Amino acid sequence: MTLAKVKGTVVSTRKDPELTGHKLLITRAVDFEGDYLDGEDVVALDFVDAGIGDTVLVAQEGDAAQQILGHQRAPVHSIIVAVVDQFSVKDSRVTA
């Protein structure tokens, strides 16, 4: 899993039927201070009603995403599985 921030949304008038009813969000991995890491943005299927600016946990294995959706045909690689309120690192609490 990856700690990430939601940067934007994807609007699609037509998409694979397996994705109907699910929101697509643009995410970027962040460090423990909330700063963006080098790398590419990732489009992730939102399962927790996340929004722009939220810190989230993204599962980035296709098999995990397909298990959550309940079928193997879903064309999904990344899925948002949690909105992070806070976390602790070495006795320091960080509010997301």
N, C-alpha and C. Protein backbone atom coordinates (compact mmCIF):
# COMPACT_ATOMS: atom_id res chain seq x y z
N MET A 1 0.83 -1.18 0.00
CA MET A 1 0.00 0.00 0.00
C MET A 1 0.87 1.24 0.00
N THR A 2 0.30 2.31 -0.51
CA THR A 2 1.02 3.57 -0.62
C THR A 2 0.22 4.68 0.05
N LEU A 3 0.93 5.53 0.81
CA LEU A 3 0.32 6.73 1.36
C LEU A 3 0.33 7.76 0.25
N ALA A 4 -0.82 8.36 -0.04
CA ALA A 4 -0.93 9.29 -1.17
C ALA A 4 -1.91 10.40 -0.86
N LYS A 5 -1.89 11.44 -1.69
CA LYS A 5 -2.87 12.51 -1.62
C LYS A 5 -3.67 12.53 -2.91
N VAL A 6 -4.94 12.85 -2.79
CA VAL A 6 -5.80 12.97 -3.96
C VAL A 6 -5.57 14.35 -4.57
N LYS A 7 -5.21 14.36 -5.87
CA LYS A 7 -4.91 15.60 -6.58
C LYS A 7 -6.04 16.06 -7.49
N GLY A 8 -6.88 15.12 -7.94
CA GLY A 8 -7.92 15.50 -8.87
C GLY A 8 -8.85 14.35 -9.18
N THR A 9 -9.74 14.60 -10.12
CA THR A 9 -10.74 13.61 -10.49
C THR A 9 -10.64 13.30 -11.98
N VAL A 10 -11.19 12.17 -12.35
CA VAL A 10 -11.30 11.78 -13.75
C VAL A 10 -12.78 11.68 -14.06
N VAL A 11 -13.22 12.39 -15.10
CA VAL A 11 -14.61 12.32 -15.53
C VAL A 11 -14.65 11.54 -16.83
N SER A 12 -15.50 10.53 -16.87
CA SER A 12 -15.59 9.68 -18.04
C SER A 12 -17.05 9.40 -18.37
N THR A 13 -17.46 9.79 -19.57
CA THR A 13 -18.85 9.54 -19.95
C THR A 13 -19.05 8.09 -20.35
N ARG A 14 -17.99 7.44 -20.79
CA ARG A 14 -18.05 6.01 -21.14
C ARG A 14 -16.86 5.33 -20.50
N LYS A 15 -17.12 4.19 -19.87
CA LYS A 15 -16.03 3.42 -19.28
C LYS A 15 -16.44 1.95 -19.24
N ASP A 16 -15.50 1.11 -18.90
CA ASP A 16 -15.75 -0.32 -18.81
C ASP A 16 -16.94 -0.57 -17.88
N PRO A 17 -17.84 -1.45 -18.25
CA PRO A 17 -19.02 -1.72 -17.42
C PRO A 17 -18.69 -2.14 -15.99
N GLU A 18 -17.54 -2.76 -15.77
CA GLU A 18 -17.15 -3.19 -14.43
C GLU A 18 -16.85 -2.00 -13.52
N LEU A 19 -16.64 -0.82 -14.11
CA LEU A 19 -16.31 0.38 -13.32
C LEU A 19 -17.51 1.29 -13.11
N THR A 20 -18.64 0.95 -13.67
CA THR A 20 -19.83 1.79 -13.55
C THR A 20 -20.19 1.97 -12.09
N GLY A 21 -20.45 3.22 -11.73
CA GLY A 21 -20.82 3.53 -10.35
C GLY A 21 -19.66 3.82 -9.43
N HIS A 22 -18.44 3.73 -9.94
CA HIS A 22 -17.26 3.99 -9.11
C HIS A 22 -16.55 5.26 -9.58
N LYS A 23 -16.07 6.05 -8.61
CA LYS A 23 -15.37 7.29 -8.89
C LYS A 23 -13.89 7.01 -9.13
N LEU A 24 -13.30 7.71 -10.09
CA LEU A 24 -11.87 7.61 -10.39
C LEU A 24 -11.18 8.89 -9.92
N LEU A 25 -10.11 8.73 -9.14
CA LEU A 25 -9.38 9.88 -8.61
C LEU A 25 -7.91 9.81 -8.99
N ILE A 26 -7.29 10.97 -9.13
CA ILE A 26 -5.86 11.07 -9.44
C ILE A 26 -5.12 11.24 -8.12
N THR A 27 -4.14 10.35 -7.87
CA THR A 27 -3.38 10.38 -6.62
C THR A 27 -1.89 10.48 -6.90
N ARG A 28 -1.16 10.94 -5.89
CA ARG A 28 0.31 10.98 -5.96
C ARG A 28 0.84 10.57 -4.60
N ALA A 29 1.83 9.71 -4.57
CA ALA A 29 2.45 9.25 -3.31
C ALA A 29 3.04 10.43 -2.55
N VAL A 30 2.94 10.37 -1.22
CA VAL A 30 3.50 11.42 -0.35
C VAL A 30 4.39 10.79 0.72
N ASP A 31 5.26 11.62 1.30
CA ASP A 31 6.07 11.16 2.42
C ASP A 31 5.31 11.38 3.72
N PHE A 32 5.94 11.12 4.85
CA PHE A 32 5.26 11.22 6.14
C PHE A 32 4.98 12.67 6.55
N GLU A 33 5.54 13.63 5.85
CA GLU A 33 5.22 15.03 6.11
C GLU A 33 4.12 15.53 5.18
N GLY A 34 3.69 14.67 4.27
CA GLY A 34 2.63 15.06 3.33
C GLY A 34 3.13 15.70 2.06
N ASP A 35 4.45 15.70 1.85
CA ASP A 35 5.03 16.27 0.63
C ASP A 35 5.02 15.23 -0.48
N TYR A 36 4.71 15.68 -1.69
CA TYR A 36 4.66 14.77 -2.83
C TYR A 36 6.03 14.16 -3.09
N LEU A 37 6.05 12.86 -3.39
CA LEU A 37 7.27 12.16 -3.77
C LEU A 37 7.44 12.25 -5.28
N ASP A 38 8.68 12.07 -5.73
CA ASP A 38 8.92 12.00 -7.16
C ASP A 38 8.19 10.78 -7.71
N GLY A 39 7.71 10.89 -8.91
CA GLY A 39 7.00 9.77 -9.51
C GLY A 39 5.80 10.26 -10.28
N GLU A 40 5.07 9.31 -10.77
CA GLU A 40 3.92 9.64 -11.60
C GLU A 40 2.64 9.63 -10.80
N ASP A 41 1.66 10.37 -11.30
CA ASP A 41 0.33 10.31 -10.73
C ASP A 41 -0.28 8.95 -11.05
N VAL A 42 -1.18 8.50 -10.18
CA VAL A 42 -1.85 7.22 -10.36
C VAL A 42 -3.35 7.44 -10.31
N VAL A 43 -4.05 6.90 -11.28
CA VAL A 43 -5.51 6.93 -11.25
C VAL A 43 -5.96 5.73 -10.44
N ALA A 44 -6.77 5.99 -9.41
CA ALA A 44 -7.22 4.92 -8.51
C ALA A 44 -8.74 4.94 -8.39
N LEU A 45 -9.31 3.78 -8.27
CA LEU A 45 -10.74 3.62 -8.05
C LEU A 45 -11.03 3.93 -6.59
N ASP A 46 -11.99 4.82 -6.35
CA ASP A 46 -12.30 5.26 -4.99
C ASP A 46 -13.41 4.40 -4.38
N PHE A 47 -13.10 3.78 -3.23
CA PHE A 47 -14.08 2.95 -2.54
C PHE A 47 -14.48 3.53 -1.20
N VAL A 48 -13.94 4.70 -0.84
CA VAL A 48 -14.17 5.24 0.50
C VAL A 48 -14.67 6.68 0.49
N ASP A 49 -15.12 7.16 -0.64
CA ASP A 49 -15.65 8.52 -0.79
C ASP A 49 -14.60 9.58 -0.44
N ALA A 50 -13.38 9.41 -0.95
CA ALA A 50 -12.31 10.38 -0.76
C ALA A 50 -12.55 11.58 -1.65
N GLY A 51 -11.85 12.67 -1.34
CA GLY A 51 -11.98 13.89 -2.14
C GLY A 51 -10.63 14.54 -2.35
N ILE A 52 -10.60 15.57 -3.17
CA ILE A 52 -9.37 16.28 -3.47
C ILE A 52 -8.78 16.83 -2.17
N GLY A 53 -7.47 16.60 -1.99
CA GLY A 53 -6.77 17.05 -0.80
C GLY A 53 -6.69 16.02 0.30
N ASP A 54 -7.50 14.97 0.23
CA ASP A 54 -7.46 13.92 1.26
C ASP A 54 -6.18 13.11 1.16
N THR A 55 -5.66 12.71 2.31
CA THR A 55 -4.57 11.74 2.37
C THR A 55 -5.23 10.36 2.42
N VAL A 56 -4.76 9.45 1.59
CA VAL A 56 -5.42 8.15 1.44
C VAL A 56 -4.40 7.02 1.41
N LEU A 57 -4.88 5.80 1.60
CA LEU A 57 -4.08 4.60 1.37
C LEU A 57 -4.52 4.00 0.05
N VAL A 58 -3.55 3.74 -0.82
CA VAL A 58 -3.84 3.18 -2.13
C VAL A 58 -3.21 1.80 -2.24
N ALA A 59 -4.03 0.80 -2.50
CA ALA A 59 -3.54 -0.54 -2.79
C ALA A 59 -3.20 -0.57 -4.27
N GLN A 60 -1.97 -0.93 -4.60
CA GLN A 60 -1.53 -0.84 -5.98
C GLN A 60 -1.16 -2.19 -6.58
N GLU A 61 -1.90 -3.19 -6.23
CA GLU A 61 -1.73 -4.48 -6.88
C GLU A 61 -3.04 -4.81 -7.56
N GLY A 62 -2.99 -5.16 -8.81
CA GLY A 62 -4.21 -5.47 -9.54
C GLY A 62 -5.05 -6.55 -8.89
N ASP A 63 -4.40 -7.60 -8.33
CA ASP A 63 -5.13 -8.68 -7.70
C ASP A 63 -5.92 -8.19 -6.50
N ALA A 64 -5.34 -7.31 -5.67
CA ALA A 64 -6.03 -6.79 -4.50
C ALA A 64 -7.26 -5.99 -4.92
N ALA A 65 -7.10 -5.15 -5.93
CA ALA A 65 -8.23 -4.36 -6.40
C ALA A 65 -9.33 -5.25 -6.94
N GLN A 66 -8.95 -6.26 -7.69
CA GLN A 66 -9.96 -7.16 -8.26
C GLN A 66 -10.66 -7.96 -7.17
N GLN A 67 -9.96 -8.32 -6.10
CA GLN A 67 -10.59 -9.03 -4.98
C GLN A 67 -11.62 -8.14 -4.29
N ILE A 68 -11.29 -6.88 -4.10
CA ILE A 68 -12.22 -5.96 -3.46
C ILE A 68 -13.47 -5.78 -4.31
N LEU A 69 -13.29 -5.70 -5.62
CA LEU A 69 -14.43 -5.55 -6.53
C LEU A 69 -15.23 -6.84 -6.65
N GLY A 70 -14.60 -7.97 -6.36
CA GLY A 70 -15.30 -9.24 -6.39
C GLY A 70 -15.30 -9.95 -7.73
N HIS A 71 -14.48 -9.52 -8.67
CA HIS A 71 -14.37 -10.22 -9.94
C HIS A 71 -13.02 -9.96 -10.57
N GLN A 72 -12.56 -10.92 -11.36
CA GLN A 72 -11.23 -10.87 -11.95
C GLN A 72 -11.16 -10.09 -13.25
N ARG A 73 -12.30 -9.73 -13.82
CA ARG A 73 -12.28 -9.05 -15.12
C ARG A 73 -12.13 -7.54 -15.01
N ALA A 74 -12.19 -7.00 -13.81
CA ALA A 74 -12.13 -5.55 -13.65
C ALA A 74 -10.77 -5.01 -14.10
N PRO A 75 -10.77 -4.01 -14.97
CA PRO A 75 -9.51 -3.43 -15.46
C PRO A 75 -8.97 -2.39 -14.47
N VAL A 76 -8.60 -2.86 -13.28
CA VAL A 76 -8.20 -1.96 -12.21
C VAL A 76 -6.84 -2.37 -11.68
N HIS A 77 -5.97 -1.39 -11.49
CA HIS A 77 -4.65 -1.64 -10.90
C HIS A 77 -4.56 -1.06 -9.50
N SER A 78 -5.16 0.10 -9.26
CA SER A 78 -5.03 0.79 -7.99
C SER A 78 -6.41 1.14 -7.44
N ILE A 79 -6.53 1.03 -6.11
CA ILE A 79 -7.81 1.29 -5.47
C ILE A 79 -7.58 1.99 -4.13
N ILE A 80 -8.37 3.01 -3.87
CA ILE A 80 -8.27 3.74 -2.60
C ILE A 80 -9.07 2.96 -1.57
N VAL A 81 -8.39 2.54 -0.48
CA VAL A 81 -9.03 1.69 0.51
C VAL A 81 -9.25 2.38 1.86
N ALA A 82 -8.69 3.59 2.06
CA ALA A 82 -8.88 4.29 3.33
C ALA A 82 -8.58 5.78 3.16
N VAL A 83 -9.33 6.60 3.88
CA VAL A 83 -8.99 8.01 4.06
C VAL A 83 -8.27 8.10 5.39
N VAL A 84 -7.07 8.67 5.39
CA VAL A 84 -6.22 8.71 6.58
C VAL A 84 -6.50 10.00 7.36
N ASP A 85 -6.88 9.84 8.63
CA ASP A 85 -7.09 11.00 9.50
C ASP A 85 -5.80 11.42 10.19
N GLN A 86 -5.06 10.42 10.67
CA GLN A 86 -3.76 10.67 11.30
C GLN A 86 -2.98 9.37 11.36
N PHE A 87 -1.67 9.48 11.60
CA PHE A 87 -0.83 8.31 11.76
C PHE A 87 0.35 8.68 12.65
N SER A 88 1.02 7.67 13.17
CA SER A 88 2.15 7.90 14.07
C SER A 88 3.42 7.33 13.44
N VAL A 89 4.51 8.09 13.60
CA VAL A 89 5.82 7.66 13.14
C VAL A 89 6.82 7.98 14.25
N LYS A 90 7.43 6.94 14.81
CA LYS A 90 8.44 7.13 15.86
C LYS A 90 7.99 8.10 16.95
N ASP A 91 6.89 7.79 17.57
CA ASP A 91 6.35 8.56 18.69
C ASP A 91 5.86 9.96 18.30
N SER A 92 5.71 10.25 17.04
CA SER A 92 5.16 11.52 16.60
C SER A 92 3.83 11.25 15.91
N ARG A 93 2.82 12.03 16.26
CA ARG A 93 1.53 11.85 15.61
C ARG A 93 1.40 12.90 14.51
N VAL A 94 0.97 12.45 13.34
CA VAL A 94 0.81 13.34 12.19
C VAL A 94 -0.66 13.36 11.81
N THR A 95 -1.23 14.54 11.69
CA THR A 95 -2.61 14.67 11.24
C THR A 95 -2.58 14.90 9.75
N ALA A 96 -3.33 14.07 9.04
CA ALA A 96 -3.31 14.12 7.57
C ALA A 96 -4.09 15.30 7.04
